[in-house]
C-alpha atoms as a PDB file:
ATOM      1  CA  MET A   1      35.246-118.557 -52.011  1.00  0.00           C
ATOM      2  CA  THR A   2      35.608-120.094 -55.463  1.00  0.00           C
ATOM      3  CA  GLN A   3      36.622-123.689 -56.059  1.00  0.00           C
ATOM      4  CA  THR A   4      40.020-122.532 -57.342  1.00  0.00           C
ATOM      5  CA  SER A   5      40.734-120.352 -54.294  1.00  0.00           C
ATOM      6  CA  THR A   6      39.651-123.167 -51.966  1.00  0.00           C
ATOM      7  CA  ALA A   7      42.069-125.550 -53.673  1.00  0.00           C
ATOM      8  CA  LEU A   8      44.878-123.005 -53.386  1.00  0.00           C
ATOM      9  CA  ALA A   9      44.178-122.541 -49.665  1.00  0.00           C
ATOM     10  CA  THR A  10      44.212-126.318 -49.153  1.00  0.00           C
ATOM     11  CA  ASN A  11      47.482-126.655 -51.062  1.00  0.00           C
ATOM     12  CA  SER A  12      48.997-123.858 -48.973  1.00  0.00           C
ATOM     13  CA  THR A  13      47.970-125.542 -45.698  1.00  0.00           C
ATOM     14  CA  PHE A  14      49.517-128.826 -46.773  1.00  0.00           C
ATOM     15  CA  GLY A  15      52.620-127.075 -48.070  1.00  0.00           C
ATOM     16  CA  LYS A  16      53.266-125.309 -44.775  1.00  0.00           C
ATOM     17  CA  LEU A  17      52.834-128.576 -42.877  1.00  0.00           C
ATOM     18  CA  LEU A  18      55.189-130.396 -45.243  1.00  0.00           C
ATOM     19  CA  LYS A  19      57.867-127.714 -44.963  1.00  0.00           C
ATOM     20  CA  ASP A  20      57.560-127.608 -41.186  1.00  0.00           C
ATOM     21  CA  TRP A  21      58.073-131.362 -40.826  1.00  0.00           C
ATOM     22  CA  ARG A  22      60.862-131.468 -43.405  1.00  0.00           C
ATOM     23  CA  GLN A  23      62.729-128.863 -41.372  1.00  0.00           C
ATOM     24  CA  ARG A  24      62.012-130.706 -38.118  1.00  0.00           C
ATOM     25  CA  ARG A  25      63.608-133.799 -39.665  1.00  0.00           C
ATOM     26  CA  ARG A  26      66.507-131.619 -40.828  1.00  0.00           C
ATOM     27  CA  MET A  27      66.080-132.731 -44.417  1.00  0.00           C
ATOM     28  CA  SER A  28      66.676-130.663 -47.530  1.00  0.00           C
ATOM     29  CA  GLN A  29      64.162-130.623 -50.364  1.00  0.00           C
ATOM     30  CA  LEU A  30      66.608-132.744 -52.346  1.00  0.00           C
ATOM     31  CA  SER A  31      67.028-135.386 -49.637  1.00  0.00           C
ATOM     32  CA  LEU A  32      63.255-135.676 -49.187  1.00  0.00           C
ATOM     33  CA  ALA A  33      62.812-135.847 -52.951  1.00  0.00           C
ATOM     34  CA  LEU A  34      65.219-138.769 -53.120  1.00  0.00           C
ATOM     35  CA  GLU A  35      63.288-140.589 -50.374  1.00  0.00           C
ATOM     36  CA  ALA A  36      59.954-139.995 -52.142  1.00  0.00           C
ATOM     37  CA  GLU A  37      61.404-140.679 -55.617  1.00  0.00           C
ATOM     38  CA  VAL A  38      60.346-137.322 -57.071  1.00  0.00           C
ATOM     39  CA  SER A  39      62.229-134.208 -58.101  1.00  0.00           C
ATOM     40  CA  ALA A  40      63.307-131.498 -55.679  1.00  0.00           C
ATOM     41  CA  ARG A  41      61.357-129.111 -57.905  1.00  0.00           C
ATOM     42  CA  HIS A  42      58.164-131.039 -57.155  1.00  0.00           C
ATOM     43  CA  ILE A  43      58.842-130.834 -53.399  1.00  0.00           C
ATOM     44  CA  SER A  44      59.278-127.077 -53.792  1.00  0.00           C
ATOM     45  CA  PHE A  45      55.990-126.802 -55.690  1.00  0.00           C
ATOM     46  CA  LEU A  46      54.200-128.804 -52.990  1.00  0.00           C
ATOM     47  CA  GLU A  47      55.570-126.600 -50.225  1.00  0.00           C
ATOM     48  CA  THR A  48      54.607-123.357 -51.973  1.00  0.00           C
ATOM     49  CA  GLY A  49      51.134-124.646 -52.898  1.00  0.00           C
ATOM     50  CA  ARG A  50      51.772-124.553 -56.640  1.00  0.00           C
ATOM     51  CA  SER A  51      51.122-128.310 -56.834  1.00  0.00           C
ATOM     52  CA  ALA A  52      48.539-130.453 -55.053  1.00  0.00           C
ATOM     53  CA  PRO A  53      49.628-133.810 -53.614  1.00  0.00           C
ATOM     54  CA  SER A  54      47.917-137.050 -54.441  1.00  0.00           C
ATOM     55  CA  ARG A  55      47.001-139.463 -51.665  1.00  0.00           C
ATOM     56  CA  ASP A  56      49.803-141.786 -52.792  1.00  0.00           C
ATOM     57  CA  MET A  57      52.320-138.929 -52.774  1.00  0.00           C
ATOM     58  CA  ILE A  58      51.384-138.057 -49.189  1.00  0.00           C
ATOM     59  CA  HIS A  59      52.046-141.633 -48.109  1.00  0.00           C
ATOM     60  CA  ARG A  60      55.438-141.584 -49.859  1.00  0.00           C
ATOM     61  CA  LEU A  61      56.364-138.297 -48.224  1.00  0.00           C
ATOM     62  CA  ALA A  62      55.231-139.604 -44.833  1.00  0.00           C
ATOM     63  CA  GLU A  63      57.449-142.656 -45.228  1.00  0.00           C
ATOM     64  CA  GLY A  64      60.401-140.476 -46.152  1.00  0.00           C
ATOM     65  CA  LEU A  65      59.800-138.237 -43.133  1.00  0.00           C
ATOM     66  CA  GLU A  66      59.145-141.222 -40.817  1.00  0.00           C
ATOM     67  CA  LEU A  67      55.953-139.603 -39.548  1.00  0.00           C
ATOM     68  CA  PRO A  68      53.916-141.079 -36.692  1.00  0.00           C
ATOM     69  CA  LEU A  69      50.525-142.375 -37.830  1.00  0.00           C
ATOM     70  CA  GLU A  70      48.652-139.557 -36.115  1.00  0.00           C
ATOM     71  CA  ILE A  71      50.676-136.974 -38.047  1.00  0.00           C
ATOM     72  CA  ARG A  72      50.106-138.874 -41.299  1.00  0.00           C
ATOM     73  CA  ASN A  73      46.385-138.436 -40.734  1.00  0.00           C
ATOM     74  CA  SER A  74      47.012-134.703 -40.274  1.00  0.00           C
ATOM     75  CA  PHE A  75      48.890-134.581 -43.582  1.00  0.00           C
ATOM     76  CA  LEU A  76      45.984-136.272 -45.342  1.00  0.00           C
ATOM     77  CA  GLY A  77      43.425-134.000 -43.729  1.00  0.00           C
ATOM     78  CA  SER A  78      45.327-130.840 -44.627  1.00  0.00           C
ATOM     79  CA  ALA A  79      45.207-131.915 -48.280  1.00  0.00           C
ATOM     80  CA  GLY A  80      41.484-132.661 -48.184  1.00  0.00           C
ATOM     81  CA  PHE A  81      41.683-136.445 -47.823  1.00  0.00           C
ATOM     82  CA  SER A  82      40.059-138.657 -45.198  1.00  0.00           C
ATOM     83  CA  PRO A  83      42.272-140.220 -42.483  1.00  0.00           C
ATOM     84  CA  ALA A  84      43.936-143.517 -43.357  1.00  0.00           C
ATOM     85  CA  PHE A  85      44.637-144.724 -39.824  1.00  0.00           C
ATOM     86  CA  ARG A  86      42.039-145.153 -37.099  1.00  0.00           C
ATOM     87  CA  ALA A  87      42.630-144.759 -33.382  1.00  0.00           C
ATOM     88  CA  SER A  88      40.765-147.527 -31.606  1.00  0.00           C
ATOM     89  CA  GLY A  89      40.121-147.163 -27.895  1.00  0.00           C
ATOM     90  CA  TRP A  90      42.369-149.348 -25.768  1.00  0.00           C
ATOM     91  CA  GLU A  91      39.331-151.097 -24.301  1.00  0.00           C
ATOM     92  CA  SER A  92      37.618-151.483 -27.685  1.00  0.00           C
ATOM     93  CA  ALA A  93      36.499-154.848 -29.043  1.00  0.00           C
ATOM     94  CA  GLU A  94      38.828-154.424 -32.033  1.00  0.00           C
ATOM     95  CA  LEU A  95      41.884-154.519 -29.787  1.00  0.00           C
ATOM     96  CA  ALA A  96      40.667-157.356 -27.554  1.00  0.00           C
ATOM     97  CA  PRO A  97      42.833-160.035 -29.282  1.00  0.00           C
ATOM     98  CA  LEU A  98      45.906-157.805 -28.907  1.00  0.00           C
ATOM     99  CA  ARG A  99      45.169-157.091 -25.237  1.00  0.00           C
ATOM    100  CA  THR A 100      44.761-160.802 -24.539  1.00  0.00           C
ATOM    101  CA  SER A 101      48.008-161.689 -26.308  1.00  0.00           C
ATOM    102  CA  LEU A 102      50.032-158.984 -24.551  1.00  0.00           C
ATOM    103  CA  THR A 103      48.623-159.984 -21.158  1.00  0.00           C
ATOM    104  CA  ARG A 104      49.617-163.597 -21.804  1.00  0.00           C
ATOM    105  CA  LEU A 105      53.093-162.467 -22.826  1.00  0.00           C
ATOM    106  CA  MET A 106      53.530-160.430 -19.634  1.00  0.00           C
ATOM    107  CA  ASP A 107      52.233-163.274 -17.461  1.00  0.00           C
ATOM    108  CA  ALA A 108      54.617-165.681 -19.173  1.00  0.00           C
ATOM    109  CA  HIS A 109      57.468-163.245 -18.479  1.00  0.00           C
ATOM    110  CA  ALA A 110      56.861-163.561 -14.721  1.00  0.00           C
ATOM    111  CA  PRO A 111      58.521-163.627 -12.272  1.00  0.00           C
ATOM    112  CA  PHE A 112      60.398-160.901 -14.144  1.00  0.00           C
ATOM    113  CA  PRO A 113      58.687-157.469 -14.338  1.00  0.00           C
ATOM    114  CA  ALA A 114      56.734-156.329 -17.408  1.00  0.00           C
ATOM    115  CA  LEU A 115      54.934-153.035 -18.105  1.00  0.00           C
ATOM    116  CA  LEU A 116      52.708-152.057 -21.028  1.00  0.00           C
ATOM    117  CA  LEU A 117      53.012-148.317 -21.713  1.00  0.00           C
ATOM    118  CA  ASP A 118      51.554-145.810 -24.153  1.00  0.00           C
ATOM    119  CA  LYS A 119      53.580-143.006 -25.751  1.00  0.00           C
ATOM    120  CA  HIS A 120      53.273-140.842 -22.611  1.00  0.00           C
ATOM    121  CA  PHE A 121      54.343-143.687 -20.280  1.00  0.00           C
ATOM    122  CA  ASN A 122      50.849-144.256 -18.920  1.00  0.00           C
ATOM    123  CA  VAL A 123      50.808-147.813 -17.566  1.00  0.00           C
ATOM    124  CA  LEU A 124      48.026-149.634 -19.409  1.00  0.00           C
ATOM    125  CA  ASP A 125      48.835-153.021 -17.899  1.00  0.00           C
ATOM    126  CA  ALA A 126      51.487-154.823 -15.870  1.00  0.00           C
ATOM    127  CA  ASN A 127      52.224-158.273 -14.568  1.00  0.00           C
ATOM    128  CA  ALA A 128      52.347-158.904 -10.820  1.00  0.00           C
ATOM    129  CA  THR A 129      56.068-158.116 -10.507  1.00  0.00           C
ATOM    130  CA  GLY A 130      55.868-155.071 -12.753  1.00  0.00           C
ATOM    131  CA  ALA A 131      53.107-153.653 -10.563  1.00  0.00           C
ATOM    132  CA  LEU A 132      55.706-153.238  -7.816  1.00  0.00           C
ATOM    133  CA  PHE A 133      57.095-150.260  -9.791  1.00  0.00           C
ATOM    134  CA  LEU A 134      53.769-148.462  -9.361  1.00  0.00           C
ATOM    135  CA  GLN A 135      54.049-147.789  -5.634  1.00  0.00           C
ATOM    136  CA  GLY A 136      50.667-149.335  -4.856  1.00  0.00           C
ATOM    137  CA  ARG A 137      48.814-147.758  -7.772  1.00  0.00           C
ATOM    138  CA  GLU A 138      46.690-149.784 -10.179  1.00  0.00           C
ATOM    139  CA  PRO A 139      47.600-149.994 -13.903  1.00  0.00           C
ATOM    140  CA  GLY A 140      45.468-147.678 -16.012  1.00  0.00           C
ATOM    141  CA  ALA A 141      45.512-144.497 -18.069  1.00  0.00           C
ATOM    142  CA  GLU A 142      45.703-142.409 -14.862  1.00  0.00           C
ATOM    143  CA  THR A 143      48.868-144.145 -13.654  1.00  0.00           C
ATOM    144  CA  ASN A 144      51.976-142.668 -15.225  1.00  0.00           C
ATOM    145  CA  LEU A 145      55.375-144.268 -14.692  1.00  0.00           C
ATOM    146  CA  ILE A 146      57.398-141.082 -15.249  1.00  0.00           C
ATOM    147  CA  ASP A 147      55.136-138.958 -13.051  1.00  0.00           C
ATOM    148  CA  ILE A 148      55.462-141.504 -10.234  1.00  0.00           C
ATOM    149  CA  MET A 149      59.242-141.339 -10.529  1.00  0.00           C
ATOM    150  CA  LEU A 150      59.345-137.532 -10.629  1.00  0.00           C
ATOM    151  CA  SER A 151      56.736-136.673  -8.000  1.00  0.00           C
ATOM    152  CA  ASP A 152      57.374-139.390  -5.416  1.00  0.00           C
ATOM    153  CA  PRO A 153      60.817-139.307  -3.745  1.00  0.00           C
ATOM    154  CA  ALA A 154      60.075-142.744  -2.272  1.00  0.00           C
ATOM    155  CA  ALA A 155      59.975-144.137  -5.824  1.00  0.00           C
ATOM    156  CA  ARG A 156      63.443-142.761  -6.576  1.00  0.00           C
ATOM    157  CA  ALA A 157      65.071-143.532  -3.241  1.00  0.00           C
ATOM    158  CA  PRO A 158      65.791-147.253  -3.874  1.00  0.00           C
ATOM    159  CA  ILE A 159      67.521-146.512  -7.218  1.00  0.00           C
ATOM    160  CA  LEU A 160      71.184-146.794  -6.284  1.00  0.00           C
ATOM    161  CA  ASN A 161      72.476-145.578  -9.659  1.00  0.00           C
ATOM    162  CA  TRP A 162      70.161-142.597 -10.114  1.00  0.00           C
ATOM    163  CA  ASP A 163      73.133-140.579 -11.478  1.00  0.00           C
ATOM    164  CA  GLU A 164      73.234-143.022 -14.421  1.00  0.00           C
ATOM    165  CA  MET A 165      69.500-143.611 -14.818  1.00  0.00           C
ATOM    166  CA  ALA A 166      68.316-139.985 -14.781  1.00  0.00           C
ATOM    167  CA  PRO A 167      70.374-138.777 -17.796  1.00  0.00           C
ATOM    168  CA  ALA A 168      69.388-141.923 -19.730  1.00  0.00           C
ATOM    169  CA  MET A 169      65.695-141.299 -18.978  1.00  0.00           C
ATOM    170  CA  LEU A 170      66.093-137.668 -20.014  1.00  0.00           C
ATOM    171  CA  THR A 171      67.688-138.664 -23.316  1.00  0.00           C
ATOM    172  CA  ARG A 172      64.857-141.100 -24.033  1.00  0.00           C
ATOM    173  CA  LEU A 173      62.152-138.510 -23.289  1.00  0.00           C
ATOM    174  CA  GLN A 174      63.838-135.919 -25.494  1.00  0.00           C
ATOM    175  CA  ALA A 175      64.360-138.385 -28.349  1.00  0.00           C
ATOM    176  CA  GLU A 176      60.746-139.584 -28.311  1.00  0.00           C
ATOM    177  CA  SER A 177      59.481-136.005 -28.246  1.00  0.00           C
ATOM    178  CA  ARG A 178      61.666-135.083 -31.227  1.00  0.00           C
ATOM    179  CA  HIS A 179      60.363-138.064 -33.193  1.00  0.00           C
ATOM    180  CA  ALA A 180      56.798-136.925 -32.475  1.00  0.00           C
ATOM    181  CA  GLY A 181      57.645-133.455 -33.721  1.00  0.00           C
ATOM    182  CA  GLY A 182      57.501-132.033 -30.209  1.00  0.00           C
ATOM    183  CA  ASP A 183      55.246-133.520 -27.554  1.00  0.00           C
ATOM    184  CA  PRO A 184      54.148-131.158 -24.730  1.00  0.00           C
ATOM    185  CA  VAL A 185      53.647-134.014 -22.250  1.00  0.00           C
ATOM    186  CA  LEU A 186      57.080-135.533 -22.865  1.00  0.00           C
ATOM    187  CA  ASP A 187      58.669-132.072 -22.913  1.00  0.00           C
ATOM    188  CA  GLU A 188      57.166-131.298 -19.502  1.00  0.00           C
ATOM    189  CA  PHE A 189      58.478-134.585 -18.112  1.00  0.00           C
ATOM    190  CA  ALA A 190      61.923-133.818 -19.539  1.00  0.00           C
ATOM    191  CA  GLU A 191      61.918-130.371 -17.938  1.00  0.00           C
ATOM    192  CA  ARG A 192      60.921-131.781 -14.549  1.00  0.00           C
ATOM    193  CA  LEU A 193      63.518-134.538 -14.793  1.00  0.00           C
ATOM    194  CA  ALA A 194      66.272-132.122 -15.815  1.00  0.00           C
ATOM    195  CA  ALA A 195      65.545-130.120 -12.648  1.00  0.00           C
ATOM    196  CA  LEU A 196      66.358-133.217 -10.579  1.00  0.00           C
ATOM    197  CA  ILE A 197      69.770-133.635 -12.209  1.00  0.00           C
ATOM    198  CA  GLU A 198      72.528-131.666 -10.542  1.00  0.00           C
ATOM    199  CA  PRO A 199      73.709-128.852 -12.867  1.00  0.00           C
ATOM    200  CA  GLY A 200      77.117-129.578 -14.332  1.00  0.00           C
ATOM    201  CA  ALA A 201      77.063-133.149 -13.078  1.00  0.00           C
ATOM    202  CA  PRO A 202      79.469-135.348 -15.051  1.00  0.00           C
ATOM    203  CA  HIS A 203      77.980-137.838 -17.480  1.00  0.00           C
ATOM    204  CA  HIS A 204      78.350-141.299 -15.997  1.00  0.00           C
ATOM    205  CA  VAL A 205      79.030-144.072 -18.492  1.00  0.00           C
ATOM    206  CA  PRO A 206      78.264-147.461 -16.918  1.00  0.00           C
ATOM    207  CA  ASN A 207      80.937-150.140 -17.055  1.00  0.00           C
ATOM    208  CA  THR A 208      78.345-152.760 -18.054  1.00  0.00           C
ATOM    209  CA  PRO A 209      77.389-153.964 -21.550  1.00  0.00           C
ATOM    210  CA  CYS A 210      74.036-152.147 -21.233  1.00  0.00           C
ATOM    211  CA  LEU A 211      72.452-149.749 -18.780  1.00  0.00           C
ATOM    212  CA  THR A 212      71.035-151.464 -15.717  1.00  0.00           C
ATOM    213  CA  VAL A 213      68.900-150.148 -12.908  1.00  0.00           C
ATOM    214  CA  ARG A 214      70.107-151.083  -9.436  1.00  0.00           C
ATOM    215  CA  TYR A 215      67.478-151.290  -6.693  1.00  0.00           C
ATOM    216  CA  GLY A 216      68.430-151.402  -3.056  1.00  0.00           C
ATOM    217  CA  LEU A 217      66.145-153.740  -1.127  1.00  0.00           C
ATOM    218  CA  GLY A 218      67.661-153.085   2.286  1.00  0.00           C
ATOM    219  CA  GLU A 219      70.295-154.851   4.381  1.00  0.00           C
ATOM    220  CA  GLY A 220      72.771-154.713   1.499  1.00  0.00           C
ATOM    221  CA  VAL A 221      70.518-156.687  -0.866  1.00  0.00           C
ATOM    222  CA  GLU A 222      70.520-155.340  -4.411  1.00  0.00           C
ATOM    223  CA  LEU A 223      68.352-156.115  -7.442  1.00  0.00           C
ATOM    224  CA  THR A 224      69.922-155.342 -10.823  1.00  0.00           C
ATOM    225  CA  LEU A 225      67.799-155.279 -13.979  1.00  0.00           C
ATOM    226  CA  PHE A 226      68.094-154.370 -17.632  1.00  0.00           C
ATOM    227  CA  SER A 227      65.152-153.864 -19.957  1.00  0.00           C
ATOM    228  CA  THR A 228      64.099-154.308 -23.564  1.00  0.00           C
ATOM    229  CA  VAL A 229      61.323-152.384 -25.298  1.00  0.00           C
ATOM    230  CA  MET A 230      59.030-154.207 -27.715  1.00  0.00           C
ATOM    231  CA  GLU A 231      56.675-152.597 -30.247  1.00  0.00           C
ATOM    232  CA  VAL A 232      53.998-153.998 -32.532  1.00  0.00           C
ATOM    233  CA  SER A 233      55.475-154.186 -36.023  1.00  0.00           C
ATOM    234  CA  SER A 234      53.570-152.802 -39.023  1.00  0.00           C
ATOM    235  CA  ALA A 235      50.894-151.117 -36.898  1.00  0.00           C
ATOM    236  CA  PHE A 236      48.101-149.398 -38.826  1.00  0.00           C
ATOM    237  CA  ASP A 237      46.169-148.174 -35.792  1.00  0.00           C
ATOM    238  CA  VAL A 238      47.325-145.074 -33.918  1.00  0.00           C
ATOM    239  CA  THR A 239      46.724-146.683 -30.525  1.00  0.00           C
ATOM    240  CA  ILE A 240      48.727-149.782 -31.409  1.00  0.00           C
ATOM    241  CA  SER A 241      51.580-147.763 -32.891  1.00  0.00           C
ATOM    242  CA  ASP A 242      51.954-145.932 -29.562  1.00  0.00           C
ATOM    243  CA  LEU A 243      52.283-149.098 -27.444  1.00  0.00           C
ATOM    244  CA  ARG A 244      55.556-149.982 -25.721  1.00  0.00           C
ATOM    245  CA  LEU A 245      55.993-153.288 -23.905  1.00  0.00           C
ATOM    246  CA  GLU A 246      58.923-152.967 -21.504  1.00  0.00           C
ATOM    247  CA  LEU A 247      60.319-156.285 -20.294  1.00  0.00           C
ATOM    248  CA  PHE A 248      62.823-156.344 -17.440  1.00  0.00           C
ATOM    249  CA  PHE A 249      65.421-159.088 -16.974  1.00  0.00           C
ATOM    250  CA  PRO A 250      67.815-159.921 -14.125  1.00  0.00           C
ATOM    251  CA  ALA A 251      71.357-158.800 -14.862  1.00  0.00           C
ATOM    252  CA  ASP A 252      73.030-161.258 -12.464  1.00  0.00           C
ATOM    253  CA  ASP A 253      72.441-164.548 -10.674  1.00  0.00           C
ATOM    254  CA  GLN A 254      71.525-162.900  -7.376  1.00  0.00           C
ATOM    255  CA  SER A 255      68.779-160.852  -9.031  1.00  0.00           C
ATOM    256  CA  ARG A 256      67.475-163.909 -10.850  1.00  0.00           C
ATOM    257  CA  ALA A 257      67.273-165.821  -7.578  1.00  0.00           C
ATOM    258  CA  LEU A 258      65.536-162.941  -5.786  1.00  0.00           C
ATOM    259  CA  LEU A 259      62.889-162.617  -8.490  1.00  0.00           C
ATOM    260  CA  SER A 260      62.372-166.355  -8.668  1.00  0.00           C
ATOM    261  CA  GLN A 261      61.567-166.381  -4.966  1.00  0.00           C
END
């Protein structure tokens, strides 16, 4: 294969990837061109392989398409460039300062629950109260919060407002999969969760300012929590960009008192 034909094949591979992701984001060539500050004609040439992208252009297109870091590396590779973002192992020395800081944050959040999750809801770490969600399992890459909820009826049984929580969980799984361009793991979880929701069940809108999860603790005692999800801003490592720190808070005085005990 000549140098010219190799370049054309590379341009074609990148062009197909660009078009695929533009359509996944439901953007026209013009709307993407405006985001990347180029002409729609140039976007067309990139997609058909008539033009080759520069490294800077790929980064601009990735920003316009809001691509996950892992996909940005794929864009660069398809155009013949080296990856820009590394994926450090969670236990690597490079991430030790981050692990220490997040552990301190979760410990400081006690007695309220805290869970550190990756993009597939594997529980990488948890504080002592958060570990109660794991049904006796230890935090680690083999412990998955969604799988526990879907496969263990005992994990779902205490949730008094499952009819509110299940559709909200399903929406979150579907949204995160769409953002990733389709994630087989999240899609499988969504399919399994949808099977647990009664067909044609009405959509329940809670009468609270935000969605809360209500746990029955027996003898009429109820624990009500809401959660916030924190992410590391301006992450340039694939592993860090996939982290989600979920912090749970008591939604009423009774729940605060129960957790404080």
